[in-house]
């Protein structure tokens, strides 16, 4: 069974790829960066998801994880939203698809981040529902997950700032952030274990939504 993960070279995407490899799947990754996973069951493609014309031909994808994303880049809507749409339309809307998982963000719910980033993730929630309706004819599901803070390189500017990190922890009820591996576990559940929930978003944010203040 083929699993395709975008943004697979680091962070959440890399953790998801490794988890699926460990579970015995044939995993394909798309990223603008070089391959960081060396395994016989992993195939890597260098491509920009925002450019549909450059996407590689990977037939018969069973599980699609739209993870590739940027933050405050000036291309947030192109990559986070349009990139997910490009990949879903190319790889996900077809008879052999089993599940699609889109990586949104708590910012899609509270708007408390860079404007285009929040908008791109909010749009992704709406697109998830649209795709869910269309893949249902194949017996497939399409859901999204909205992580709060995750311990990835993307968040190093606040993770390495003692004052900002303290403020973040003060407004996070569980006083921690998730690891990429924990989010990968949620994605695996949505993609494989789940058979009946579709068109929904799962918020995994250590309670951040309860009392949010954006710190950067």
N, C-alpha and C. Protein backbone atom coordinates (compact mmCIF):
# COMPACT_ATOMS: atom_id res chain seq x y z
N UNK A 1 0.85 -1.19 0.00
CA UNK A 1 0.00 0.00 0.00
C UNK A 1 0.88 1.24 0.00
N UNK A 2 0.63 2.17 -0.93
CA UNK A 2 1.45 3.36 -1.07
C UNK A 2 0.96 4.50 -0.16
N UNK A 3 1.91 5.10 0.55
CA UNK A 3 1.64 6.27 1.37
C UNK A 3 2.46 7.43 0.82
N UNK A 4 1.83 8.55 0.56
CA UNK A 4 2.53 9.73 0.05
C UNK A 4 2.45 10.83 1.10
N UNK A 5 3.62 11.37 1.45
CA UNK A 5 3.70 12.42 2.48
C UNK A 5 4.44 13.61 1.90
N UNK A 6 3.84 14.78 1.97
CA UNK A 6 4.53 15.99 1.50
C UNK A 6 5.23 16.65 2.69
N UNK A 7 6.32 17.35 2.38
CA UNK A 7 7.11 17.96 3.45
C UNK A 7 7.74 16.90 4.34
N UNK A 8 8.34 15.88 3.71
CA UNK A 8 8.78 14.69 4.44
C UNK A 8 10.21 14.73 4.93
N UNK A 9 10.93 15.82 4.67
CA UNK A 9 12.36 15.84 5.01
C UNK A 9 12.65 16.18 6.47
N UNK A 10 11.70 16.80 7.15
CA UNK A 10 11.96 17.16 8.55
C UNK A 10 10.65 17.36 9.29
N UNK A 11 10.76 17.55 10.59
CA UNK A 11 9.60 17.86 11.41
C UNK A 11 8.53 16.79 11.42
N UNK A 12 7.28 17.23 11.38
CA UNK A 12 6.15 16.31 11.43
C UNK A 12 6.18 15.35 10.25
N UNK A 13 6.44 15.86 9.06
CA UNK A 13 6.44 15.01 7.87
C UNK A 13 7.43 13.87 7.96
N UNK A 14 8.62 14.15 8.46
CA UNK A 14 9.63 13.11 8.59
C UNK A 14 9.20 12.07 9.62
N UNK A 15 8.62 12.54 10.73
CA UNK A 15 8.15 11.62 11.77
C UNK A 15 7.03 10.72 11.23
N UNK A 16 6.15 11.28 10.41
CA UNK A 16 5.07 10.49 9.81
C UNK A 16 5.65 9.44 8.86
N UNK A 17 6.61 9.86 8.03
CA UNK A 17 7.21 8.93 7.09
C UNK A 17 7.88 7.76 7.82
N UNK A 18 8.61 8.06 8.86
CA UNK A 18 9.29 7.00 9.62
C UNK A 18 8.29 6.05 10.26
N UNK A 19 7.21 6.59 10.80
CA UNK A 19 6.20 5.75 11.44
C UNK A 19 5.57 4.79 10.42
N UNK A 20 5.22 5.29 9.26
CA UNK A 20 4.61 4.43 8.24
C UNK A 20 5.61 3.39 7.72
N UNK A 21 6.87 3.77 7.61
CA UNK A 21 7.90 2.81 7.22
C UNK A 21 7.98 1.69 8.25
N UNK A 22 7.98 2.08 9.52
CA UNK A 22 8.04 1.09 10.60
C UNK A 22 6.83 0.15 10.58
N UNK A 23 5.71 0.65 10.08
CA UNK A 23 4.49 -0.16 10.00
C UNK A 23 4.45 -1.03 8.75
N UNK A 24 5.48 -0.91 7.91
CA UNK A 24 5.59 -1.79 6.75
C UNK A 24 5.03 -1.25 5.45
N UNK A 25 4.73 0.04 5.40
CA UNK A 25 4.18 0.63 4.19
C UNK A 25 5.28 1.03 3.21
N UNK A 26 4.93 1.13 1.93
CA UNK A 26 5.80 1.73 0.92
C UNK A 26 5.55 3.23 0.97
N UNK A 27 6.55 3.99 1.36
CA UNK A 27 6.36 5.42 1.62
C UNK A 27 7.07 6.25 0.54
N UNK A 28 6.35 7.25 0.07
CA UNK A 28 6.88 8.19 -0.91
C UNK A 28 6.84 9.59 -0.28
N UNK A 29 7.92 10.34 -0.47
CA UNK A 29 7.98 11.67 0.10
C UNK A 29 8.21 12.72 -0.96
N UNK A 30 7.60 13.88 -0.79
CA UNK A 30 7.83 15.03 -1.65
C UNK A 30 8.26 16.20 -0.78
N UNK A 31 9.36 16.85 -1.17
CA UNK A 31 9.87 17.98 -0.39
C UNK A 31 10.76 18.82 -1.30
N UNK A 32 10.95 20.09 -0.94
CA UNK A 32 11.88 20.92 -1.70
C UNK A 32 13.31 20.66 -1.24
N UNK A 33 13.45 19.94 -0.12
CA UNK A 33 14.77 19.62 0.43
C UNK A 33 15.19 18.21 0.07
N UNK A 34 16.47 17.92 0.27
CA UNK A 34 17.01 16.61 -0.02
C UNK A 34 16.44 15.54 0.92
N UNK A 35 16.61 14.31 0.50
CA UNK A 35 16.19 13.14 1.28
C UNK A 35 16.95 13.09 2.61
N UNK A 36 16.21 12.89 3.71
CA UNK A 36 16.86 12.70 5.02
C UNK A 36 16.54 11.32 5.60
N UNK A 37 15.85 10.50 4.81
CA UNK A 37 15.48 9.15 5.26
C UNK A 37 16.10 8.14 4.31
N UNK A 38 16.86 7.21 4.86
CA UNK A 38 17.48 6.17 4.05
C UNK A 38 16.86 4.83 4.41
N UNK A 39 15.99 4.35 3.56
CA UNK A 39 15.34 3.07 3.82
C UNK A 39 14.85 2.49 2.50
N UNK A 40 14.90 1.19 2.36
CA UNK A 40 14.51 0.54 1.11
C UNK A 40 13.04 0.76 0.77
N UNK A 41 12.21 1.06 1.77
CA UNK A 41 10.78 1.27 1.52
C UNK A 41 10.42 2.75 1.38
N UNK A 42 11.44 3.59 1.18
CA UNK A 42 11.18 5.03 1.06
C UNK A 42 11.74 5.55 -0.26
N UNK A 43 10.88 6.30 -0.98
CA UNK A 43 11.28 6.94 -2.24
C UNK A 43 11.06 8.44 -2.11
N UNK A 44 12.06 9.21 -2.47
CA UNK A 44 12.00 10.66 -2.25
C UNK A 44 11.99 11.42 -3.58
N UNK A 45 11.15 12.43 -3.65
CA UNK A 45 11.10 13.31 -4.81
C UNK A 45 11.30 14.75 -4.35
N UNK A 46 12.11 15.50 -5.09
CA UNK A 46 12.28 16.92 -4.82
C UNK A 46 11.34 17.70 -5.73
N UNK A 47 10.39 18.38 -5.13
CA UNK A 47 9.38 19.10 -5.89
C UNK A 47 8.71 20.12 -4.98
N UNK A 48 8.18 21.18 -5.58
CA UNK A 48 7.45 22.23 -4.85
C UNK A 48 5.96 21.96 -5.03
N UNK A 49 5.27 21.65 -3.94
CA UNK A 49 3.84 21.32 -4.05
C UNK A 49 3.02 22.47 -4.60
N UNK A 50 3.54 23.70 -4.47
CA UNK A 50 2.81 24.86 -4.98
C UNK A 50 2.81 24.92 -6.50
N UNK A 51 3.71 24.18 -7.13
CA UNK A 51 3.81 24.16 -8.59
C UNK A 51 3.30 22.82 -9.10
N UNK A 52 2.05 22.76 -9.46
CA UNK A 52 1.41 21.51 -9.85
C UNK A 52 2.12 20.84 -11.03
N UNK A 53 2.70 21.64 -11.90
CA UNK A 53 3.35 21.10 -13.10
C UNK A 53 4.59 20.28 -12.78
N UNK A 54 5.18 20.50 -11.60
CA UNK A 54 6.43 19.80 -11.25
C UNK A 54 6.19 18.54 -10.42
N UNK A 55 4.96 18.29 -10.04
CA UNK A 55 4.68 17.14 -9.17
C UNK A 55 4.95 15.83 -9.91
N UNK A 56 5.62 14.89 -9.26
CA UNK A 56 5.95 13.62 -9.92
C UNK A 56 4.71 12.74 -10.09
N UNK A 57 4.79 11.85 -11.05
CA UNK A 57 3.71 10.88 -11.25
C UNK A 57 3.89 9.72 -10.28
N UNK A 58 2.97 9.57 -9.35
CA UNK A 58 2.98 8.47 -8.39
C UNK A 58 1.59 7.86 -8.42
N UNK A 59 1.40 6.82 -9.19
CA UNK A 59 0.06 6.24 -9.32
C UNK A 59 -0.36 5.43 -8.11
N UNK A 60 -1.66 5.26 -7.96
CA UNK A 60 -2.24 4.34 -7.00
C UNK A 60 -1.88 4.65 -5.54
N UNK A 61 -1.89 5.91 -5.18
CA UNK A 61 -1.65 6.31 -3.79
C UNK A 61 -2.87 5.90 -2.95
N UNK A 62 -2.61 5.22 -1.84
CA UNK A 62 -3.71 4.80 -0.96
C UNK A 62 -3.92 5.76 0.20
N UNK A 63 -2.83 6.31 0.72
CA UNK A 63 -2.91 7.26 1.83
C UNK A 63 -2.11 8.50 1.47
N UNK A 64 -2.75 9.65 1.57
CA UNK A 64 -2.10 10.93 1.27
C UNK A 64 -2.08 11.79 2.52
N UNK A 65 -0.90 12.27 2.88
CA UNK A 65 -0.75 13.18 4.02
C UNK A 65 -0.20 14.50 3.49
N UNK A 66 -1.04 15.52 3.49
CA UNK A 66 -0.64 16.85 3.03
C UNK A 66 -0.06 17.63 4.20
N UNK A 67 1.26 17.55 4.32
CA UNK A 67 1.95 18.15 5.46
C UNK A 67 2.80 19.36 5.09
N UNK A 68 3.27 19.46 3.85
CA UNK A 68 4.18 20.53 3.46
C UNK A 68 3.61 21.89 3.84
N UNK A 69 4.44 22.70 4.48
CA UNK A 69 3.95 24.01 4.89
C UNK A 69 5.05 24.99 5.20
N UNK A 70 4.71 26.26 5.12
CA UNK A 70 5.61 27.35 5.47
C UNK A 70 4.86 28.30 6.39
N UNK A 71 5.61 29.22 6.99
CA UNK A 71 5.03 30.08 8.02
C UNK A 71 5.59 31.49 7.88
N UNK A 72 4.71 32.45 7.61
CA UNK A 72 5.16 33.83 7.50
C UNK A 72 6.16 34.04 6.38
N UNK A 73 5.96 33.32 5.28
CA UNK A 73 6.96 33.30 4.20
C UNK A 73 6.62 34.21 3.03
N UNK A 74 5.38 34.68 2.97
CA UNK A 74 4.93 35.38 1.78
C UNK A 74 4.34 34.42 0.76
N UNK A 75 4.48 33.11 1.00
CA UNK A 75 3.95 32.08 0.11
C UNK A 75 3.04 31.12 0.87
N UNK A 76 2.57 31.53 2.03
CA UNK A 76 1.80 30.62 2.88
C UNK A 76 0.57 30.06 2.19
N UNK A 77 -0.17 30.91 1.50
CA UNK A 77 -1.38 30.43 0.83
C UNK A 77 -1.02 29.54 -0.36
N UNK A 78 0.03 29.92 -1.09
CA UNK A 78 0.47 29.10 -2.23
C UNK A 78 0.87 27.69 -1.80
N UNK A 79 1.65 27.60 -0.73
CA UNK A 79 2.18 26.30 -0.30
C UNK A 79 1.18 25.55 0.57
N UNK A 80 0.71 26.19 1.63
CA UNK A 80 -0.11 25.50 2.63
C UNK A 80 -1.49 25.11 2.10
N UNK A 81 -2.09 25.99 1.35
CA UNK A 81 -3.45 25.73 0.84
C UNK A 81 -3.43 25.21 -0.59
N UNK A 82 -2.85 26.00 -1.50
CA UNK A 82 -2.86 25.57 -2.91
C UNK A 82 -2.02 24.31 -3.10
N UNK A 83 -0.94 24.17 -2.33
CA UNK A 83 -0.12 22.97 -2.43
C UNK A 83 -0.90 21.72 -2.04
N UNK A 84 -1.67 21.83 -0.97
CA UNK A 84 -2.50 20.71 -0.53
C UNK A 84 -3.58 20.39 -1.56
N UNK A 85 -4.14 21.43 -2.15
CA UNK A 85 -5.14 21.22 -3.20
C UNK A 85 -4.51 20.53 -4.41
N UNK A 86 -3.33 21.01 -4.82
CA UNK A 86 -2.65 20.41 -5.97
C UNK A 86 -2.41 18.92 -5.76
N UNK A 87 -1.92 18.57 -4.58
CA UNK A 87 -1.60 17.17 -4.31
C UNK A 87 -2.85 16.31 -4.17
N UNK A 88 -3.88 16.86 -3.57
CA UNK A 88 -5.12 16.10 -3.41
C UNK A 88 -5.77 15.84 -4.76
N UNK A 89 -5.80 16.85 -5.60
CA UNK A 89 -6.43 16.68 -6.92
C UNK A 89 -5.64 15.69 -7.78
N UNK A 90 -4.31 15.67 -7.63
CA UNK A 90 -3.48 14.78 -8.44
C UNK A 90 -3.43 13.36 -7.89
N UNK A 91 -3.28 13.23 -6.58
CA UNK A 91 -3.04 11.91 -5.99
C UNK A 91 -4.23 11.34 -5.20
N UNK A 92 -5.11 12.22 -4.74
CA UNK A 92 -6.13 11.78 -3.80
C UNK A 92 -7.49 11.49 -4.37
N UNK A 93 -7.88 12.20 -5.42
CA UNK A 93 -9.22 12.02 -5.97
C UNK A 93 -9.16 10.92 -7.04
N UNK A 94 -9.13 9.68 -6.57
CA UNK A 94 -9.03 8.54 -7.49
C UNK A 94 -9.48 7.27 -6.76
N UNK A 95 -9.87 6.25 -7.50
CA UNK A 95 -10.55 5.09 -6.90
C UNK A 95 -9.77 4.31 -5.86
N UNK A 96 -8.44 4.33 -5.90
CA UNK A 96 -7.66 3.51 -4.97
C UNK A 96 -7.32 4.25 -3.66
N UNK A 97 -7.76 5.50 -3.54
CA UNK A 97 -7.47 6.25 -2.31
C UNK A 97 -8.25 5.65 -1.14
N UNK A 98 -7.59 5.57 -0.01
CA UNK A 98 -8.21 5.06 1.21
C UNK A 98 -8.45 6.17 2.23
N UNK A 99 -7.47 7.08 2.34
CA UNK A 99 -7.62 8.19 3.29
C UNK A 99 -6.70 9.34 2.94
N UNK A 100 -7.14 10.52 3.30
CA UNK A 100 -6.36 11.75 3.15
C UNK A 100 -6.35 12.45 4.50
N UNK A 101 -5.18 12.91 4.92
CA UNK A 101 -5.07 13.69 6.15
C UNK A 101 -4.36 15.00 5.82
N UNK A 102 -5.01 16.10 6.11
CA UNK A 102 -4.43 17.43 5.90
C UNK A 102 -3.94 18.00 7.23
N UNK A 103 -2.76 18.58 7.22
CA UNK A 103 -2.20 19.17 8.44
C UNK A 103 -2.56 20.64 8.48
N UNK A 104 -3.52 20.98 9.31
CA UNK A 104 -3.94 22.37 9.47
C UNK A 104 -3.19 22.98 10.67
N UNK A 105 -3.87 23.70 11.52
CA UNK A 105 -3.21 24.36 12.65
C UNK A 105 -4.26 24.92 13.60
N UNK A 106 -3.89 25.05 14.86
CA UNK A 106 -4.76 25.72 15.81
C UNK A 106 -5.07 27.14 15.34
N UNK A 107 -4.15 27.72 14.53
CA UNK A 107 -4.36 29.06 14.00
C UNK A 107 -5.58 29.15 13.08
N UNK A 108 -5.98 28.01 12.52
CA UNK A 108 -7.19 27.99 11.69
C UNK A 108 -8.42 28.25 12.54
N UNK A 109 -8.31 28.00 13.84
CA UNK A 109 -9.44 28.17 14.76
C UNK A 109 -9.40 29.50 15.50
N UNK A 110 -8.20 29.94 15.88
CA UNK A 110 -8.14 31.16 16.68
C UNK A 110 -7.59 32.38 15.93
N UNK A 111 -7.03 32.17 14.74
CA UNK A 111 -6.52 33.29 13.94
C UNK A 111 -5.31 33.98 14.54
N UNK A 112 -4.73 33.39 15.57
CA UNK A 112 -3.69 34.08 16.33
C UNK A 112 -2.29 33.80 15.79
N UNK A 113 -2.07 34.15 14.54
CA UNK A 113 -0.73 33.99 13.99
C UNK A 113 -0.61 34.89 12.76
N UNK A 114 0.44 34.70 11.96
CA UNK A 114 0.63 35.50 10.77
C UNK A 114 -0.64 35.44 9.90
N UNK A 115 -1.09 36.57 9.37
CA UNK A 115 -2.38 36.61 8.68
C UNK A 115 -2.53 35.58 7.57
N UNK A 116 -1.56 35.51 6.65
CA UNK A 116 -1.70 34.57 5.54
C UNK A 116 -1.59 33.12 6.02
N UNK A 117 -0.83 32.89 7.06
CA UNK A 117 -0.72 31.53 7.60
C UNK A 117 -2.07 31.08 8.16
N UNK A 118 -2.67 31.94 8.99
CA UNK A 118 -3.97 31.60 9.57
C UNK A 118 -5.01 31.39 8.47
N UNK A 119 -4.98 32.26 7.45
CA UNK A 119 -5.94 32.14 6.35
C UNK A 119 -5.72 30.85 5.56
N UNK A 120 -4.45 30.49 5.34
CA UNK A 120 -4.16 29.28 4.56
C UNK A 120 -4.65 28.04 5.29
N UNK A 121 -4.49 28.01 6.60
CA UNK A 121 -4.91 26.84 7.37
C UNK A 121 -6.44 26.82 7.54
N UNK A 122 -7.04 27.98 7.65
CA UNK A 122 -8.50 28.03 7.71
C UNK A 122 -9.11 27.55 6.40
N UNK A 123 -8.51 27.95 5.29
CA UNK A 123 -8.98 27.49 4.00
C UNK A 123 -8.83 25.99 3.86
N UNK A 124 -7.78 25.44 4.47
CA UNK A 124 -7.55 24.00 4.40
C UNK A 124 -8.66 23.22 5.10
N UNK A 125 -9.21 23.79 6.18
CA UNK A 125 -10.33 23.12 6.85
C UNK A 125 -11.54 23.03 5.93
N UNK A 126 -11.81 24.10 5.20
CA UNK A 126 -12.94 24.10 4.28
C UNK A 126 -12.69 23.13 3.12
N UNK A 127 -11.47 23.12 2.62
CA UNK A 127 -11.15 22.21 1.52
C UNK A 127 -11.21 20.75 1.96
N UNK A 128 -10.88 20.49 3.20
CA UNK A 128 -10.98 19.12 3.73
C UNK A 128 -12.40 18.61 3.60
N UNK A 129 -13.37 19.43 3.93
CA UNK A 129 -14.78 19.03 3.81
C UNK A 129 -15.16 18.79 2.35
N UNK A 130 -14.67 19.66 1.48
CA UNK A 130 -14.94 19.52 0.05
C UNK A 130 -14.39 18.19 -0.47
N UNK A 131 -13.14 17.90 -0.13
CA UNK A 131 -12.51 16.65 -0.59
C UNK A 131 -13.18 15.43 0.02
N UNK A 132 -13.60 15.55 1.28
CA UNK A 132 -14.25 14.42 1.95
C UNK A 132 -15.51 13.99 1.20
N UNK A 133 -16.27 14.95 0.71
CA UNK A 133 -17.48 14.64 -0.04
C UNK A 133 -17.14 13.88 -1.32
N UNK A 134 -16.03 14.25 -1.96
CA UNK A 134 -15.71 13.68 -3.26
C UNK A 134 -15.04 12.31 -3.16
N UNK A 135 -14.26 12.06 -2.09
CA UNK A 135 -13.62 10.74 -1.98
C UNK A 135 -14.54 9.72 -1.31
N UNK A 136 -15.64 10.19 -0.76
CA UNK A 136 -16.58 9.26 -0.11
C UNK A 136 -17.13 8.23 -1.10
N UNK A 137 -17.19 8.61 -2.35
CA UNK A 137 -17.70 7.66 -3.36
C UNK A 137 -16.76 6.47 -3.52
N UNK A 138 -15.51 6.61 -3.07
CA UNK A 138 -14.54 5.51 -3.11
C UNK A 138 -14.45 4.78 -1.77
N UNK A 139 -15.30 5.17 -0.82
CA UNK A 139 -15.24 4.59 0.51
C UNK A 139 -14.08 5.11 1.32
N UNK A 140 -13.54 6.26 0.93
CA UNK A 140 -12.36 6.85 1.58
C UNK A 140 -12.76 7.98 2.52
N UNK A 141 -11.87 8.28 3.45
CA UNK A 141 -12.07 9.39 4.38
C UNK A 141 -11.09 10.51 4.09
N UNK A 142 -11.46 11.72 4.48
CA UNK A 142 -10.57 12.88 4.40
C UNK A 142 -10.81 13.73 5.63
N UNK A 143 -9.79 13.85 6.46
CA UNK A 143 -9.87 14.64 7.69
C UNK A 143 -8.64 15.52 7.82
N UNK A 144 -8.67 16.39 8.80
CA UNK A 144 -7.51 17.24 9.08
C UNK A 144 -7.18 17.17 10.56
N UNK A 145 -5.95 17.53 10.86
CA UNK A 145 -5.51 17.65 12.25
C UNK A 145 -4.95 19.06 12.43
N UNK A 146 -5.30 19.68 13.54
CA UNK A 146 -4.83 21.04 13.82
C UNK A 146 -3.93 21.02 15.05
N UNK A 147 -2.63 20.88 14.86
CA UNK A 147 -1.72 20.92 16.00
C UNK A 147 -1.60 22.34 16.55
N UNK A 148 -1.34 22.41 17.83
CA UNK A 148 -0.91 23.67 18.43
C UNK A 148 0.60 23.74 18.26
N UNK A 149 1.30 24.14 19.30
CA UNK A 149 2.75 24.18 19.21
C UNK A 149 3.35 22.79 19.10
N UNK A 150 4.32 22.65 18.19
CA UNK A 150 5.03 21.39 18.01
C UNK A 150 6.52 21.68 18.04
N UNK A 151 7.30 20.79 18.62
CA UNK A 151 8.74 20.99 18.78
C UNK A 151 9.46 20.68 17.48
N UNK A 152 9.41 21.64 16.54
CA UNK A 152 10.07 21.50 15.25
C UNK A 152 10.96 22.71 14.98
N UNK A 153 11.81 22.58 13.96
CA UNK A 153 12.72 23.67 13.60
C UNK A 153 11.96 24.93 13.21
N UNK A 154 10.76 24.76 12.68
CA UNK A 154 9.96 25.91 12.25
C UNK A 154 9.67 26.86 13.41
N UNK A 155 9.64 26.30 14.62
CA UNK A 155 9.29 27.09 15.80
C UNK A 155 10.49 27.48 16.66
N UNK A 156 11.69 27.28 16.15
CA UNK A 156 12.90 27.60 16.92
C UNK A 156 12.96 29.06 17.39
N UNK A 157 12.45 30.04 16.60
CA UNK A 157 12.53 31.43 17.06
C UNK A 157 11.89 31.67 18.43
N UNK A 158 10.84 30.92 18.77
CA UNK A 158 10.25 31.09 20.10
C UNK A 158 10.75 30.04 21.08
N UNK A 159 11.07 28.86 20.59
CA UNK A 159 11.57 27.81 21.47
C UNK A 159 12.90 28.21 22.11
N UNK A 160 13.71 28.99 21.38
CA UNK A 160 15.02 29.40 21.86
C UNK A 160 15.02 30.76 22.56
N UNK A 161 13.86 31.36 22.68
CA UNK A 161 13.74 32.66 23.35
C UNK A 161 13.10 32.43 24.72
N UNK A 162 13.87 32.57 25.77
CA UNK A 162 13.40 32.24 27.11
C UNK A 162 12.16 33.03 27.50
N UNK A 163 12.15 34.32 27.20
CA UNK A 163 11.01 35.16 27.58
C UNK A 163 9.74 34.75 26.82
N UNK A 164 9.87 34.57 25.51
CA UNK A 164 8.70 34.20 24.71
C UNK A 164 8.22 32.80 25.07
N UNK A 165 9.17 31.88 25.29
CA UNK A 165 8.78 30.52 25.65
C UNK A 165 8.02 30.50 26.99
N UNK A 166 8.46 31.33 27.92
CA UNK A 166 7.77 31.42 29.20
C UNK A 166 6.34 31.91 29.05
N UNK A 167 6.14 32.89 28.18
CA UNK A 167 4.79 33.41 27.93
C UNK A 167 3.91 32.34 27.29
N UNK A 168 4.49 31.58 26.36
CA UNK A 168 3.73 30.52 25.70
C UNK A 168 3.30 29.46 26.72
N UNK A 169 4.22 29.07 27.58
CA UNK A 169 3.90 28.05 28.58
C UNK A 169 2.85 28.56 29.57
N UNK A 170 2.89 29.85 29.87
CA UNK A 170 1.92 30.43 30.80
C UNK A 170 0.49 30.35 30.27
N UNK A 171 0.35 30.38 28.94
CA UNK A 171 -1.01 30.34 28.38
C UNK A 171 -1.36 28.98 27.79
N UNK A 172 -0.53 27.98 28.03
CA UNK A 172 -0.80 26.62 27.57
C UNK A 172 -1.12 25.76 28.79
N UNK A 173 -2.38 25.35 28.98
CA UNK A 173 -2.78 24.65 30.19
C UNK A 173 -1.91 23.44 30.56
N UNK A 174 -1.54 22.62 29.58
CA UNK A 174 -0.71 21.45 29.89
C UNK A 174 0.78 21.78 29.97
N UNK A 175 1.12 23.04 29.70
CA UNK A 175 2.49 23.56 29.85
C UNK A 175 3.53 22.72 29.10
N UNK A 176 3.19 22.38 27.87
CA UNK A 176 4.13 21.67 27.01
C UNK A 176 3.67 21.79 25.57
N UNK A 177 4.55 21.43 24.66
CA UNK A 177 4.21 21.30 23.26
C UNK A 177 4.32 19.84 22.86
N UNK A 178 3.66 19.47 21.79
CA UNK A 178 3.71 18.10 21.29
C UNK A 178 5.01 17.85 20.55
N UNK A 179 5.43 16.61 20.51
CA UNK A 179 6.57 16.21 19.68
C UNK A 179 6.05 15.84 18.29
N UNK A 180 6.92 15.89 17.28
CA UNK A 180 6.50 15.44 15.94
C UNK A 180 6.00 14.00 15.96
N UNK A 181 6.61 13.16 16.79
CA UNK A 181 6.23 11.76 16.86
C UNK A 181 4.81 11.58 17.40
N UNK A 182 4.42 12.43 18.36
CA UNK A 182 3.05 12.34 18.88
C UNK A 182 2.04 12.73 17.80
N UNK A 183 2.33 13.79 17.07
CA UNK A 183 1.43 14.21 15.98
C UNK A 183 1.37 13.13 14.91
N UNK A 184 2.51 12.49 14.65
CA UNK A 184 2.53 11.39 13.67
C UNK A 184 1.58 10.28 14.09
N UNK A 185 1.53 9.99 15.38
CA UNK A 185 0.63 8.98 15.89
C UNK A 185 -0.83 9.33 15.63
N UNK A 186 -1.18 10.58 15.81
CA UNK A 186 -2.54 11.04 15.53
C UNK A 186 -2.85 10.89 14.03
N UNK A 187 -1.87 11.25 13.21
CA UNK A 187 -2.08 11.15 11.76
C UNK A 187 -2.29 9.70 11.35
N UNK A 188 -1.50 8.81 11.92
CA UNK A 188 -1.66 7.39 11.62
C UNK A 188 -3.06 6.91 12.02
N UNK A 189 -3.53 7.36 13.17
CA UNK A 189 -4.88 6.99 13.60
C UNK A 189 -5.93 7.46 12.62
N UNK A 190 -5.83 8.72 12.18
CA UNK A 190 -6.81 9.27 11.25
C UNK A 190 -6.75 8.56 9.89
N UNK A 191 -5.54 8.18 9.48
CA UNK A 191 -5.36 7.60 8.15
C UNK A 191 -5.67 6.12 8.09
N UNK A 192 -5.38 5.39 9.17
CA UNK A 192 -5.45 3.93 9.13
C UNK A 192 -6.53 3.37 10.06
N UNK A 193 -6.48 3.72 11.33
CA UNK A 193 -7.43 3.15 12.29
C UNK A 193 -8.84 3.64 12.03
N UNK A 194 -8.96 4.94 11.78
CA UNK A 194 -10.27 5.53 11.53
C UNK A 194 -10.87 5.04 10.22
N UNK A 195 -12.12 4.62 10.27
CA UNK A 195 -12.84 4.19 9.07
C UNK A 195 -14.15 4.94 8.87
N UNK A 196 -14.61 5.67 9.87
CA UNK A 196 -15.96 6.22 9.82
C UNK A 196 -16.04 7.74 9.98
N UNK A 197 -15.01 8.39 10.50
CA UNK A 197 -15.05 9.84 10.63
C UNK A 197 -14.48 10.47 9.36
N UNK A 198 -15.19 11.42 8.80
CA UNK A 198 -14.69 12.11 7.61
C UNK A 198 -15.19 13.54 7.58
N UNK A 199 -14.40 14.40 6.95
CA UNK A 199 -14.75 15.82 6.86
C UNK A 199 -14.62 16.56 8.17
N UNK A 200 -13.79 16.03 9.09
CA UNK A 200 -13.67 16.61 10.43
C UNK A 200 -12.24 17.06 10.71
N UNK A 201 -12.11 17.89 11.73
CA UNK A 201 -10.80 18.38 12.17
C UNK A 201 -10.57 17.99 13.62
N UNK A 202 -9.37 17.50 13.91
CA UNK A 202 -9.00 17.11 15.27
C UNK A 202 -7.99 18.12 15.81
N UNK A 203 -8.32 18.74 16.93
CA UNK A 203 -7.48 19.76 17.54
C UNK A 203 -6.58 19.13 18.60
N UNK A 204 -5.26 19.22 18.40
CA UNK A 204 -4.29 18.63 19.33
C UNK A 204 -3.33 19.74 19.74
N UNK A 205 -3.67 20.44 20.84
CA UNK A 205 -2.95 21.69 21.13
C UNK A 205 -2.58 21.90 22.60
N UNK A 206 -2.63 20.83 23.41
CA UNK A 206 -2.30 20.96 24.83
C UNK A 206 -3.17 21.99 25.54
N UNK A 207 -4.37 22.22 25.00
CA UNK A 207 -5.31 23.15 25.61
C UNK A 207 -5.11 24.60 25.21
N UNK A 208 -4.27 24.84 24.22
CA UNK A 208 -3.93 26.21 23.80
C UNK A 208 -5.17 27.01 23.41
N UNK A 209 -6.13 26.36 22.75
CA UNK A 209 -7.30 27.07 22.27
C UNK A 209 -8.14 27.64 23.42
N UNK A 210 -7.98 27.06 24.59
CA UNK A 210 -8.76 27.51 25.75
C UNK A 210 -8.35 28.92 26.18
N UNK A 211 -7.06 29.22 26.02
CA UNK A 211 -6.54 30.51 26.52
C UNK A 211 -5.37 30.94 25.66
N UNK A 212 -5.65 31.45 24.44
CA UNK A 212 -4.57 31.71 23.51
C UNK A 212 -4.16 33.18 23.48
N UNK A 213 -2.87 33.38 23.32
CA UNK A 213 -2.28 34.68 23.01
C UNK A 213 -1.09 34.40 22.13
N UNK A 214 -1.06 34.98 20.94
CA UNK A 214 0.04 34.69 20.01
C UNK A 214 1.31 35.38 20.46
N UNK A 215 2.37 34.61 20.60
CA UNK A 215 3.68 35.14 21.01
C UNK A 215 4.70 34.78 19.94
N UNK A 216 5.40 35.80 19.45
CA UNK A 216 6.46 35.54 18.46
C UNK A 216 7.56 36.58 18.60
